[in-house]
Amino acid sequence: MLNYIGPGMDGGALSVIIGILISFFMALFAIVWYPIKRLIKKFKGKSNTDNTTHTTTK
């Protein structure tokens, strides 16, 4: 059977569990997001250099 552990211990345990879950999902998001961000920056950098090299002067 389950034992009563009190509101203080229950709140602390719940906070620890939520903190672990949030940190896990943030780490997973960082692993996925930063390579995508690097690719976006790479493609934007190429498009900016293409536009500036094809200008003509009078």
C-alpha atoms as a PDB file:
ATOM      1  CA  MET A   1       0.000   0.000   0.000  1.00  0.00           C
ATOM      2  CA  LEU A   2       0.950   3.632  -0.401  1.00  0.00           C
ATOM      3  CA  ASN A   3       2.053   5.556   2.650  1.00  0.00           C
ATOM      4  CA  TYR A   4       1.284   9.195   3.334  1.00  0.00           C
ATOM      5  CA  ILE A   5       4.451  11.260   3.054  1.00  0.00           C
ATOM      6  CA  GLY A   6       3.028  14.699   3.810  1.00  0.00           C
ATOM      7  CA  PRO A   7       2.519  17.821   1.744  1.00  0.00           C
ATOM      8  CA  GLY A   8       6.108  19.086   2.114  1.00  0.00           C
ATOM      9  CA  MET A   9       7.758  15.947   0.861  1.00  0.00           C
ATOM     10  CA  ASP A  10       5.162  15.553  -1.873  1.00  0.00           C
ATOM     11  CA  GLY A  11       5.774  19.082  -3.165  1.00  0.00           C
ATOM     12  CA  GLY A  12       9.535  18.581  -3.171  1.00  0.00           C
ATOM     13  CA  ALA A  13       9.320  15.256  -4.976  1.00  0.00           C
ATOM     14  CA  LEU A  14       6.946  16.722  -7.545  1.00  0.00           C
ATOM     15  CA  SER A  15       9.289  19.682  -8.126  1.00  0.00           C
ATOM     16  CA  VAL A  16      12.252  17.358  -8.663  1.00  0.00           C
ATOM     17  CA  ILE A  17      10.321  15.196 -11.129  1.00  0.00           C
ATOM     18  CA  ILE A  18       9.106  18.230 -13.088  1.00  0.00           C
ATOM     19  CA  GLY A  19      12.629  19.706 -13.114  1.00  0.00           C
ATOM     20  CA  ILE A  20      14.134  16.485 -14.452  1.00  0.00           C
ATOM     21  CA  LEU A  21      11.484  16.225 -17.170  1.00  0.00           C
ATOM     22  CA  ILE A  22      11.913  19.857 -18.227  1.00  0.00           C
ATOM     23  CA  SER A  23      15.707  19.551 -18.366  1.00  0.00           C
ATOM     24  CA  PHE A  24      15.424  16.354 -20.418  1.00  0.00           C
ATOM     25  CA  PHE A  25      13.136  17.961 -22.985  1.00  0.00           C
ATOM     26  CA  MET A  26      15.253  21.112 -23.143  1.00  0.00           C
ATOM     27  CA  ALA A  27      18.354  19.013 -23.836  1.00  0.00           C
ATOM     28  CA  LEU A  28      16.507  17.095 -26.528  1.00  0.00           C
ATOM     29  CA  PHE A  29      15.313  20.363 -28.078  1.00  0.00           C
ATOM     30  CA  ALA A  30      18.858  21.775 -28.041  1.00  0.00           C
ATOM     31  CA  ILE A  31      20.253  18.694 -29.769  1.00  0.00           C
ATOM     32  CA  VAL A  32      17.656  19.041 -32.523  1.00  0.00           C
ATOM     33  CA  TRP A  33      17.487  22.863 -32.793  1.00  0.00           C
ATOM     34  CA  TYR A  34      21.135  23.926 -33.061  1.00  0.00           C
ATOM     35  CA  PRO A  35      21.983  21.916 -36.197  1.00  0.00           C
ATOM     36  CA  ILE A  36      18.799  23.243 -37.831  1.00  0.00           C
ATOM     37  CA  LYS A  37      19.711  26.781 -36.798  1.00  0.00           C
ATOM     38  CA  ARG A  38      23.177  26.349 -38.290  1.00  0.00           C
ATOM     39  CA  LEU A  39      21.685  25.142 -41.591  1.00  0.00           C
ATOM     40  CA  ILE A  40      19.289  28.087 -41.725  1.00  0.00           C
ATOM     41  CA  LYS A  41      22.137  30.515 -41.105  1.00  0.00           C
ATOM     42  CA  LYS A  42      24.218  28.770 -43.775  1.00  0.00           C
ATOM     43  CA  PHE A  43      21.473  29.095 -46.405  1.00  0.00           C
ATOM     44  CA  LYS A  44      20.734  32.716 -45.488  1.00  0.00           C
ATOM     45  CA  GLY A  45      24.414  33.559 -45.748  1.00  0.00           C
ATOM     46  CA  LYS A  46      24.605  32.102 -49.257  1.00  0.00           C
ATOM     47  CA  SER A  47      21.558  34.048 -50.457  1.00  0.00           C
ATOM     48  CA  ASN A  48      22.952  37.347 -49.128  1.00  0.00           C
ATOM     49  CA  THR A  49      26.308  36.900 -50.877  1.00  0.00           C
ATOM     50  CA  ASP A  50      24.594  35.938 -54.141  1.00  0.00           C
ATOM     51  CA  ASN A  51      22.578  39.178 -54.158  1.00  0.00           C
ATOM     52  CA  THR A  52      25.548  41.447 -53.527  1.00  0.00           C
ATOM     53  CA  THR A  53      27.866  39.939 -56.171  1.00  0.00           C
ATOM     54  CA  HIS A  54      25.485  40.506 -59.086  1.00  0.00           C
ATOM     55  CA  THR A  55      25.099  44.266 -58.765  1.00  0.00           C
ATOM     56  CA  THR A  56      26.239  46.542 -61.550  1.00  0.00           C
ATOM     57  CA  THR A  57      27.576  50.075 -61.329  1.00  0.00           C
ATOM     58  CA  LYS A  58      27.205  52.952 -63.804  1.00  0.00           C
END
